[in-house]
Amino acid sequence: MADKLSTIDELIQKAVESNEIPKIYFNGFANGLGNSDIVIVLQSNGKPVAVLNTSFTIAKTLVQKLNDVIGIIEKNSGNTIMTTTDIDKALTKIGK
């Protein structure tokens, strides 16, 4: 297991340090469904910045891995990270 984590850490470090791999920040997204894959449009302040296409299997695995990482943050901080849906509901309550 340690070897696998080391390999993942190395992969991430190489990708982040590479000048050939685009670095994309996003704070929103839209997703669509085809009969064999999923398309995700990444957005920054409401404007599209990238398009991702992936299989159902990879999309589901990504969801699980992201949930694992967020769960670690929440457990160790004692805080629940709000989703954009949660924030929208809260803003509606205060009239925004």
PDB file of N, CA and C in Angstrom:
ATOM      1  N   MET A   1       0.827  -1.199   0.000  1.00  0.00           N
ATOM      2  CA  MET A   1       0.000   0.000   0.000  1.00  0.00           C
ATOM      3  C   MET A   1       0.861   1.250   0.000  1.00  0.00           C
ATOM      4  N   ALA A   2       1.947   1.256   0.759  1.00  0.00           N
ATOM      5  CA  ALA A   2       2.833   2.422   0.811  1.00  0.00           C
ATOM      6  C   ALA A   2       3.411   2.714  -0.559  1.00  0.00           C
ATOM      7  N   ASP A   3       3.747   1.659  -1.321  1.00  0.00           N
ATOM      8  CA  ASP A   3       4.279   1.855  -2.662  1.00  0.00           C
ATOM      9  C   ASP A   3       3.255   2.531  -3.566  1.00  0.00           C
ATOM     10  N   LYS A   4       1.998   2.127  -3.432  1.00  0.00           N
ATOM     11  CA  LYS A   4       0.940   2.720  -4.249  1.00  0.00           C
ATOM     12  C   LYS A   4       0.765   4.195  -3.900  1.00  0.00           C
ATOM     13  N   LEU A   5       0.755   4.526  -2.603  1.00  0.00           N
ATOM     14  CA  LEU A   5       0.625   5.925  -2.188  1.00  0.00           C
ATOM     15  C   LEU A   5       1.812   6.744  -2.674  1.00  0.00           C
ATOM     16  N   SER A   6       2.995   6.174  -2.598  1.00  0.00           N
ATOM     17  CA  SER A   6       4.185   6.855  -3.073  1.00  0.00           C
ATOM     18  C   SER A   6       4.066   7.141  -4.565  1.00  0.00           C
ATOM     19  N   THR A   7       3.576   6.164  -5.316  1.00  0.00           N
ATOM     20  CA  THR A   7       3.404   6.333  -6.753  1.00  0.00           C
ATOM     21  C   THR A   7       2.372   7.422  -7.047  1.00  0.00           C
ATOM     22  N   ILE A   8       1.272   7.439  -6.298  1.00  0.00           N
ATOM     23  CA  ILE A   8       0.247   8.469  -6.483  1.00  0.00           C
ATOM     24  C   ILE A   8       0.817   9.841  -6.152  1.00  0.00           C
ATOM     25  N   ASP A   9       1.528   9.949  -5.046  1.00  0.00           N
ATOM     26  CA  ASP A   9       2.157  11.218  -4.669  1.00  0.00           C
ATOM     27  C   ASP A   9       3.126  11.698  -5.747  1.00  0.00           C
ATOM     28  N   GLU A  10       3.910  10.766  -6.294  1.00  0.00           N
ATOM     29  CA  GLU A  10       4.854  11.124  -7.352  1.00  0.00           C
ATOM     30  C   GLU A  10       4.116  11.589  -8.605  1.00  0.00           C
ATOM     31  N   LEU A  11       3.042  10.906  -8.968  1.00  0.00           N
ATOM     32  CA  LEU A  11       2.240  11.283 -10.127  1.00  0.00           C
ATOM     33  C   LEU A  11       1.687  12.693  -9.959  1.00  0.00           C
ATOM     34  N   ILE A  12       1.129  12.970  -8.791  1.00  0.00           N
ATOM     35  CA  ILE A  12       0.566  14.292  -8.525  1.00  0.00           C
ATOM     36  C   ILE A  12       1.653  15.355  -8.582  1.00  0.00           C
ATOM     37  N   GLN A  13       2.784  15.090  -7.955  1.00  0.00           N
ATOM     38  CA  GLN A  13       3.876  16.070  -7.951  1.00  0.00           C
ATOM     39  C   GLN A  13       4.362  16.358  -9.365  1.00  0.00           C
ATOM     40  N   LYS A  14       4.559  15.330 -10.168  1.00  0.00           N
ATOM     41  CA  LYS A  14       5.021  15.524 -11.546  1.00  0.00           C
ATOM     42  C   LYS A  14       4.001  16.307 -12.366  1.00  0.00           C
ATOM     43  N   ALA A  15       2.726  16.000 -12.182  1.00  0.00           N
ATOM     44  CA  ALA A  15       1.677  16.698 -12.932  1.00  0.00           C
ATOM     45  C   ALA A  15       1.612  18.169 -12.552  1.00  0.00           C
ATOM     46  N   VAL A  16       1.683  18.456 -11.258  1.00  0.00           N
ATOM     47  CA  VAL A  16       1.608  19.843 -10.783  1.00  0.00           C
ATOM     48  C   VAL A  16       2.820  20.642 -11.259  1.00  0.00           C
ATOM     49  N   GLU A  17       3.982  20.012 -11.293  1.00  0.00           N
ATOM     50  CA  GLU A  17       5.209  20.701 -11.681  1.00  0.00           C
ATOM     51  C   GLU A  17       5.382  20.821 -13.196  1.00  0.00           C
ATOM     52  N   SER A  18       4.643  20.051 -13.973  1.00  0.00           N
ATOM     53  CA  SER A  18       4.800  20.044 -15.421  1.00  0.00           C
ATOM     54  C   SER A  18       4.283  21.333 -16.051  1.00  0.00           C
ATOM     55  N   ASN A  19       5.062  21.877 -16.981  1.00  0.00           N
ATOM     56  CA  ASN A  19       4.618  23.051 -17.743  1.00  0.00           C
ATOM     57  C   ASN A  19       3.762  22.647 -18.931  1.00  0.00           C
ATOM     58  N   GLU A  20       3.706  21.361 -19.231  1.00  0.00           N
ATOM     59  CA  GLU A  20       2.968  20.878 -20.393  1.00  0.00           C
ATOM     60  C   GLU A  20       1.523  20.509 -20.074  1.00  0.00           C
ATOM     61  N   ILE A  21       1.203  20.367 -18.794  1.00  0.00           N
ATOM     62  CA  ILE A  21      -0.155  19.986 -18.395  1.00  0.00           C
ATOM     63  C   ILE A  21      -0.899  21.230 -17.931  1.00  0.00           C
ATOM     64  N   PRO A  22      -2.062  21.519 -18.540  1.00  0.00           N
ATOM     65  CA  PRO A  22      -2.817  22.717 -18.141  1.00  0.00           C
ATOM     66  C   PRO A  22      -3.271  22.648 -16.682  1.00  0.00           C
ATOM     67  N   LYS A  23      -3.238  23.774 -16.012  1.00  0.00           N
ATOM     68  CA  LYS A  23      -3.746  23.899 -14.646  1.00  0.00           C
ATOM     69  C   LYS A  23      -5.042  24.705 -14.747  1.00  0.00           C
ATOM     70  N   ILE A  24      -6.121  24.139 -14.279  1.00  0.00           N
ATOM     71  CA  ILE A  24      -7.437  24.757 -14.437  1.00  0.00           C
ATOM     72  C   ILE A  24      -8.083  24.917 -13.073  1.00  0.00           C
ATOM     73  N   TYR A  25      -8.490  26.147 -12.756  1.00  0.00           N
ATOM     74  CA  TYR A  25      -9.270  26.390 -11.539  1.00  0.00           C
ATOM     75  C   TYR A  25     -10.735  26.462 -11.948  1.00  0.00           C
ATOM     76  N   PHE A  26     -11.608  25.846 -11.151  1.00  0.00           N
ATOM     77  CA  PHE A  26     -13.039  25.982 -11.413  1.00  0.00           C
ATOM     78  C   PHE A  26     -13.804  26.101 -10.108  1.00  0.00           C
ATOM     79  N   ASN A  27     -14.895  26.869 -10.159  1.00  0.00           N
ATOM     80  CA  ASN A  27     -15.737  27.029  -8.984  1.00  0.00           C
ATOM     81  C   ASN A  27     -17.203  26.739  -9.309  1.00  0.00           C
ATOM     82  N   GLY A  28     -17.395  26.053 -10.416  1.00  0.00           N
ATOM     83  CA  GLY A  28     -18.731  25.625 -10.806  1.00  0.00           C
ATOM     84  C   GLY A  28     -18.626  24.575 -11.895  1.00  0.00           C
ATOM     85  N   PHE A  29     -19.732  23.936 -12.184  1.00  0.00           N
ATOM     86  CA  PHE A  29     -19.736  22.927 -13.236  1.00  0.00           C
ATOM     87  C   PHE A  29     -21.158  22.650 -13.686  1.00  0.00           C
ATOM     88  N   ALA A  30     -21.262  22.077 -14.867  1.00  0.00           N
ATOM     89  CA  ALA A  30     -22.527  21.551 -15.379  1.00  0.00           C
ATOM     90  C   ALA A  30     -22.198  20.171 -15.930  1.00  0.00           C
ATOM     91  N   ASN A  31     -23.131  19.257 -15.797  1.00  0.00           N
ATOM     92  CA  ASN A  31     -22.854  17.925 -16.318  1.00  0.00           C
ATOM     93  C   ASN A  31     -24.018  17.418 -17.153  1.00  0.00           C
ATOM     94  N   GLY A  32     -23.676  16.579 -18.122  1.00  0.00           N
ATOM     95  CA  GLY A  32     -24.666  15.979 -18.998  1.00  0.00           C
ATOM     96  C   GLY A  32     -24.387  14.491 -19.141  1.00  0.00           C
ATOM     97  N   LEU A  33     -25.367  13.795 -19.636  1.00  0.00           N
ATOM     98  CA  LEU A  33     -25.321  12.344 -19.683  1.00  0.00           C
ATOM     99  C   LEU A  33     -25.583  11.868 -21.101  1.00  0.00           C
ATOM    100  N   GLY A  34     -24.691  11.015 -21.601  1.00  0.00           N
ATOM    101  CA  GLY A  34     -24.903  10.332 -22.872  1.00  0.00           C
ATOM    102  C   GLY A  34     -25.261   8.890 -22.599  1.00  0.00           C
ATOM    103  N   ASN A  35     -25.359   8.078 -23.649  1.00  0.00           N
ATOM    104  CA  ASN A  35     -25.712   6.678 -23.414  1.00  0.00           C
ATOM    105  C   ASN A  35     -24.518   5.824 -23.000  1.00  0.00           C
ATOM    106  N   SER A  36     -23.306   6.405 -23.047  1.00  0.00           N
ATOM    107  CA  SER A  36     -22.143   5.625 -22.637  1.00  0.00           C
ATOM    108  C   SER A  36     -21.124   6.420 -21.830  1.00  0.00           C
ATOM    109  N   ASP A  37     -21.394   7.715 -21.643  1.00  0.00           N
ATOM    110  CA  ASP A  37     -20.432   8.502 -20.880  1.00  0.00           C
ATOM    111  C   ASP A  37     -21.082   9.749 -20.294  1.00  0.00           C
ATOM    112  N   ILE A  38     -20.270  10.494 -19.584  1.00  0.00           N
ATOM    113  CA  ILE A  38     -20.706  11.728 -18.933  1.00  0.00           C
ATOM    114  C   ILE A  38     -19.828  12.861 -19.429  1.00  0.00           C
ATOM    115  N   VAL A  39     -20.421  14.012 -19.656  1.00  0.00           N
ATOM    116  CA  VAL A  39     -19.666  15.209 -20.013  1.00  0.00           C
ATOM    117  C   VAL A  39     -19.804  16.195 -18.856  1.00  0.00           C
ATOM    118  N   ILE A  40     -18.686  16.801 -18.483  1.00  0.00           N
ATOM    119  CA  ILE A  40     -18.662  17.781 -17.400  1.00  0.00           C
ATOM    120  C   ILE A  40     -18.042  19.059 -17.944  1.00  0.00           C
ATOM    121  N   VAL A  41     -18.767  20.153 -17.853  1.00  0.00           N
ATOM    122  CA  VAL A  41     -18.244  21.456 -18.258  1.00  0.00           C
ATOM    123  C   VAL A  41     -17.807  22.177 -16.992  1.00  0.00           C
ATOM    124  N   LEU A  42     -16.511  22.417 -16.862  1.00  0.00           N
ATOM    125  CA  LEU A  42     -15.983  23.147 -15.710  1.00  0.00           C
ATOM    126  C   LEU A  42     -16.151  24.632 -15.965  1.00  0.00           C
ATOM    127  N   GLN A  43     -16.528  25.373 -14.915  1.00  0.00           N
ATOM    128  CA  GLN A  43     -16.776  26.806 -15.046  1.00  0.00           C
ATOM    129  C   GLN A  43     -15.977  27.588 -14.016  1.00  0.00           C
ATOM    130  N   SER A  44     -15.599  28.783 -14.396  1.00  0.00           N
ATOM    131  CA  SER A  44     -15.010  29.738 -13.461  1.00  0.00           C
ATOM    132  C   SER A  44     -15.853  30.995 -13.524  1.00  0.00           C
ATOM    133  N   ASN A  45     -16.485  31.325 -12.413  1.00  0.00           N
ATOM    134  CA  ASN A  45     -17.401  32.465 -12.344  1.00  0.00           C
ATOM    135  C   ASN A  45     -18.445  32.429 -13.449  1.00  0.00           C
ATOM    136  N   GLY A  46     -18.999  31.239 -13.690  1.00  0.00           N
ATOM    137  CA  GLY A  46     -20.080  31.059 -14.644  1.00  0.00           C
ATOM    138  C   GLY A  46     -19.653  30.886 -16.085  1.00  0.00           C
ATOM    139  N   LYS A  47     -18.369  31.010 -16.372  1.00  0.00           N
ATOM    140  CA  LYS A  47     -17.885  30.877 -17.749  1.00  0.00           C
ATOM    141  C   LYS A  47     -17.175  29.538 -17.928  1.00  0.00           C
ATOM    142  N   PRO A  48     -17.456  28.841 -19.030  1.00  0.00           N
ATOM    143  CA  PRO A  48     -16.791  27.560 -19.266  1.00  0.00           C
ATOM    144  C   PRO A  48     -15.278  27.721 -19.419  1.00  0.00           C
ATOM    145  N   VAL A  49     -14.529  26.819 -18.762  1.00  0.00           N
ATOM    146  CA  VAL A  49     -13.070  26.852 -18.877  1.00  0.00           C
ATOM    147  C   VAL A  49     -12.488  25.525 -19.365  1.00  0.00           C
ATOM    148  N   ALA A  50     -13.269  24.454 -19.297  1.00  0.00           N
ATOM    149  CA  ALA A  50     -12.788  23.149 -19.763  1.00  0.00           C
ATOM    150  C   ALA A  50     -13.964  22.187 -19.883  1.00  0.00           C
ATOM    151  N   VAL A  51     -13.763  21.185 -20.711  1.00  0.00           N
ATOM    152  CA  VAL A  51     -14.758  20.121 -20.871  1.00  0.00           C
ATOM    153  C   VAL A  51     -14.075  18.792 -20.579  1.00  0.00           C
ATOM    154  N   LEU A  52     -14.703  17.995 -19.722  1.00  0.00           N
ATOM    155  CA  LEU A  52     -14.213  16.651 -19.410  1.00  0.00           C
ATOM    156  C   LEU A  52     -15.227  15.636 -19.920  1.00  0.00           C
ATOM    157  N   ASN A  53     -14.753  14.606 -20.568  1.00  0.00           N
ATOM    158  CA  ASN A  53     -15.603  13.484 -20.958  1.00  0.00           C
ATOM    159  C   ASN A  53     -15.057  12.253 -20.259  1.00  0.00           C
ATOM    160  N   THR A  54     -15.942  11.451 -19.669  1.00  0.00           N
ATOM    161  CA  THR A  54     -15.485  10.261 -18.956  1.00  0.00           C
ATOM    162  C   THR A  54     -16.545   9.170 -18.993  1.00  0.00           C
ATOM    163  N   SER A  55     -16.096   7.960 -18.763  1.00  0.00           N
ATOM    164  CA  SER A  55     -17.016   6.828 -18.699  1.00  0.00           C
ATOM    165  C   SER A  55     -17.782   6.859 -17.375  1.00  0.00           C
ATOM    166  N   PHE A  56     -18.867   6.109 -17.326  1.00  0.00           N
ATOM    167  CA  PHE A  56     -19.633   5.997 -16.085  1.00  0.00           C
ATOM    168  C   PHE A  56     -18.765   5.433 -14.959  1.00  0.00           C
ATOM    169  N   THR A  57     -17.954   4.439 -15.288  1.00  0.00           N
ATOM    170  CA  THR A  57     -17.117   3.791 -14.277  1.00  0.00           C
ATOM    171  C   THR A  57     -16.121   4.769 -13.662  1.00  0.00           C
ATOM    172  N   ILE A  58     -15.450   5.544 -14.490  1.00  0.00           N
ATOM    173  CA  ILE A  58     -14.479   6.511 -13.979  1.00  0.00           C
ATOM    174  C   ILE A  58     -15.198   7.620 -13.223  1.00  0.00           C
ATOM    175  N   ALA A  59     -16.348   8.062 -13.718  1.00  0.00           N
ATOM    176  CA  ALA A  59     -17.108   9.112 -13.018  1.00  0.00           C
ATOM    177  C   ALA A  59     -17.504   8.645 -11.617  1.00  0.00           C
ATOM    178  N   LYS A  60     -17.989   7.424 -11.505  1.00  0.00           N
ATOM    179  CA  LYS A  60     -18.399   6.907 -10.192  1.00  0.00           C
ATOM    180  C   LYS A  60     -17.196   6.753  -9.273  1.00  0.00           C
ATOM    181  N   THR A  61     -16.085   6.275  -9.810  1.00  0.00           N
ATOM    182  CA  THR A  61     -14.869   6.137  -9.016  1.00  0.00           C
ATOM    183  C   THR A  61     -14.374   7.500  -8.548  1.00  0.00           C
ATOM    184  N   LEU A  62     -14.421   8.502  -9.406  1.00  0.00           N
ATOM    185  CA  LEU A  62     -14.029   9.863  -9.039  1.00  0.00           C
ATOM    186  C   LEU A  62     -14.896  10.379  -7.898  1.00  0.00           C
ATOM    187  N   VAL A  63     -16.195  10.170  -7.985  1.00  0.00           N
ATOM    188  CA  VAL A  63     -17.110  10.589  -6.909  1.00  0.00           C
ATOM    189  C   VAL A  63     -16.707   9.941  -5.587  1.00  0.00           C
ATOM    190  N   GLN A  64     -16.437   8.656  -5.612  1.00  0.00           N
ATOM    191  CA  GLN A  64     -16.049   7.952  -4.386  1.00  0.00           C
ATOM    192  C   GLN A  64     -14.739   8.482  -3.826  1.00  0.00           C
ATOM    193  N   LYS A  65     -13.747   8.706  -4.680  1.00  0.00           N
ATOM    194  CA  LYS A  65     -12.441   9.193  -4.221  1.00  0.00           C
ATOM    195  C   LYS A  65     -12.547  10.612  -3.667  1.00  0.00           C
ATOM    196  N   LEU A  66     -13.334  11.472  -4.321  1.00  0.00           N
ATOM    197  CA  LEU A  66     -13.528  12.839  -3.811  1.00  0.00           C
ATOM    198  C   LEU A  66     -14.266  12.814  -2.475  1.00  0.00           C
ATOM    199  N   ASN A  67     -15.269  11.949  -2.346  1.00  0.00           N
ATOM    200  CA  ASN A  67     -15.972  11.809  -1.064  1.00  0.00           C
ATOM    201  C   ASN A  67     -15.024  11.356   0.038  1.00  0.00           C
ATOM    202  N   ASP A  68     -14.100  10.452  -0.296  1.00  0.00           N
ATOM    203  CA  ASP A  68     -13.115   9.999   0.689  1.00  0.00           C
ATOM    204  C   ASP A  68     -12.263  11.163   1.185  1.00  0.00           C
ATOM    205  N   VAL A  69     -11.771  11.984   0.255  1.00  0.00           N
ATOM    206  CA  VAL A  69     -10.902  13.112   0.619  1.00  0.00           C
ATOM    207  C   VAL A  69     -11.675  14.148   1.435  1.00  0.00           C
ATOM    208  N   ILE A  70     -12.877  14.484   1.002  1.00  0.00           N
ATOM    209  CA  ILE A  70     -13.698  15.453   1.741  1.00  0.00           C
ATOM    210  C   ILE A  70     -14.033  14.903   3.126  1.00  0.00           C
ATOM    211  N   GLY A  71     -14.316  13.602   3.206  1.00  0.00           N
ATOM    212  CA  GLY A  71     -14.601  12.972   4.499  1.00  0.00           C
ATOM    213  C   GLY A  71     -13.439  13.100   5.470  1.00  0.00           C
ATOM    214  N   ILE A  72     -12.223  12.955   4.973  1.00  0.00           N
ATOM    215  CA  ILE A  72     -11.034  13.111   5.820  1.00  0.00           C
ATOM    216  C   ILE A  72     -10.943  14.535   6.346  1.00  0.00           C
ATOM    217  N   ILE A  73     -11.162  15.506   5.477  1.00  0.00           N
ATOM    218  CA  ILE A  73     -11.116  16.917   5.892  1.00  0.00           C
ATOM    219  C   ILE A  73     -12.189  17.194   6.947  1.00  0.00           C
ATOM    220  N   GLU A  74     -13.416  16.726   6.689  1.00  0.00           N
ATOM    221  CA  GLU A  74     -14.514  16.964   7.629  1.00  0.00           C
ATOM    222  C   GLU A  74     -14.259  16.291   8.975  1.00  0.00           C
ATOM    223  N   LYS A  75     -13.791  15.061   8.940  1.00  0.00           N
ATOM    224  CA  LYS A  75     -13.529  14.326  10.183  1.00  0.00           C
ATOM    225  C   LYS A  75     -12.455  15.028  11.010  1.00  0.00           C
ATOM    226  N   ASN A  76     -11.379  15.434  10.362  1.00  0.00           N
ATOM    227  CA  ASN A  76     -10.259  16.027  11.090  1.00  0.00           C
ATOM    228  C   ASN A  76     -10.497  17.471  11.505  1.00  0.00           C
ATOM    229  N   SER A  77     -11.397  18.161  10.810  1.00  0.00           N
ATOM    230  CA  SER A  77     -11.677  19.554  11.170  1.00  0.00           C
ATOM    231  C   SER A  77     -12.901  19.684  12.078  1.00  0.00           C
ATOM    232  N   GLY A  78     -13.745  18.653  12.094  1.00  0.00           N
ATOM    233  CA  GLY A  78     -14.980  18.734  12.867  1.00  0.00           C
ATOM    234  C   GLY A  78     -16.040  19.597  12.189  1.00  0.00           C
ATOM    235  N   ASN A  79     -15.812  19.940  10.939  1.00  0.00           N
ATOM    236  CA  ASN A  79     -16.750  20.778  10.184  1.00  0.00           C
ATOM    237  C   ASN A  79     -17.302  20.008   8.990  1.00  0.00           C
ATOM    238  N   THR A  80     -18.544  20.313   8.628  1.00  0.00           N
ATOM    239  CA  THR A  80     -19.138  19.761   7.418  1.00  0.00           C
ATOM    240  C   THR A  80     -19.011  20.806   6.326  1.00  0.00           C
ATOM    241  N   ILE A  81     -18.389  20.433   5.222  1.00  0.00           N
ATOM    242  CA  ILE A  81     -18.235  21.357   4.097  1.00  0.00           C
ATOM    243  C   ILE A  81     -19.580  21.451   3.385  1.00  0.00           C
ATOM    244  N   MET A  82     -20.044  22.674   3.196  1.00  0.00           N
ATOM    245  CA  MET A  82     -21.332  22.893   2.542  1.00  0.00           C
ATOM    246  C   MET A  82     -21.195  22.748   1.031  1.00  0.00           C
ATOM    247  N   THR A  83     -22.234  22.215   0.398  1.00  0.00           N
ATOM    248  CA  THR A  83     -22.293  22.155  -1.054  1.00  0.00           C
ATOM    249  C   THR A  83     -22.846  23.482  -1.567  1.00  0.00           C
ATOM    250  N   THR A  84     -22.756  23.705  -2.865  1.00  0.00           N
ATOM    251  CA  THR A  84     -23.338  24.932  -3.421  1.00  0.00           C
ATOM    252  C   THR A  84     -24.856  24.935  -3.242  1.00  0.00           C
ATOM    253  N   THR A  85     -25.468  23.759  -3.240  1.00  0.00           N
ATOM    254  CA  THR A  85     -26.915  23.669  -2.982  1.00  0.00           C
ATOM    255  C   THR A  85     -27.229  24.142  -1.566  1.00  0.00           C
ATOM    256  N   ASP A  86     -26.419  23.729  -0.591  1.00  0.00           N
ATOM    257  CA  ASP A  86     -26.593  24.178   0.795  1.00  0.00           C
ATOM    258  C   ASP A  86     -26.458  25.696   0.900  1.00  0.00           C
ATOM    259  N   ILE A  87     -25.457  26.235   0.236  1.00  0.00           N
ATOM    260  CA  ILE A  87     -25.222  27.685   0.292  1.00  0.00           C
ATOM    261  C   ILE A  87     -26.366  28.433  -0.381  1.00  0.00           C
ATOM    262  N   ASP A  88     -26.842  27.929  -1.528  1.00  0.00           N
ATOM    263  CA  ASP A  88     -27.984  28.563  -2.200  1.00  0.00           C
ATOM    264  C   ASP A  88     -29.211  28.612  -1.293  1.00  0.00           C
ATOM    265  N   LYS A  89     -29.476  27.517  -0.571  1.00  0.00           N
ATOM    266  CA  LYS A  89     -30.613  27.488   0.356  1.00  0.00           C
ATOM    267  C   LYS A  89     -30.437  28.511   1.471  1.00  0.00           C
ATOM    268  N   ALA A  90     -29.214  28.608   2.005  1.00  0.00           N
ATOM    269  CA  ALA A  90     -28.947  29.567   3.076  1.00  0.00           C
ATOM    270  C   ALA A  90     -29.113  30.991   2.574  1.00  0.00           C
ATOM    271  N   LEU A  91     -28.655  31.264   1.378  1.00  0.00           N
ATOM    272  CA  LEU A  91     -28.773  32.616   0.817  1.00  0.00           C
ATOM    273  C   LEU A  91     -30.227  32.983   0.558  1.00  0.00           C
ATOM    274  N   THR A  92     -31.017  31.986   0.151  1.00  0.00           N
ATOM    275  CA  THR A  92     -32.447  32.213  -0.080  1.00  0.00           C
ATOM    276  C   THR A  92     -33.131  32.641   1.214  1.00  0.00           C
ATOM    277  N   LYS A  93     -32.733  32.038   2.330  1.00  0.00           N
ATOM    278  CA  LYS A  93     -33.313  32.360   3.633  1.00  0.00           C
ATOM    279  C   LYS A  93     -33.044  33.807   4.047  1.00  0.00           C
ATOM    280  N   ILE A  94     -31.891  34.346   3.610  1.00  0.00           N
ATOM    281  CA  ILE A  94     -31.571  35.735   3.997  1.00  0.00           C
ATOM    282  C   ILE A  94     -31.904  36.726   2.893  1.00  0.00           C
ATOM    283  N   GLY A  95     -32.565  36.225   1.833  1.00  0.00           N
ATOM    284  CA  GLY A  95     -33.039  37.133   0.797  1.00  0.00           C
ATOM    285  C   GLY A  95     -32.029  37.524  -0.244  1.00  0.00           C
ATOM    286  N   LYS A  96     -30.998  36.744  -0.436  1.00  0.00           N
ATOM    287  CA  LYS A  96     -29.982  37.046  -1.458  1.00  0.00           C
ATOM    288  C   LYS A  96     -30.284  36.329  -2.738  1.00  0.00           C
TER     289      LYS A  96
END
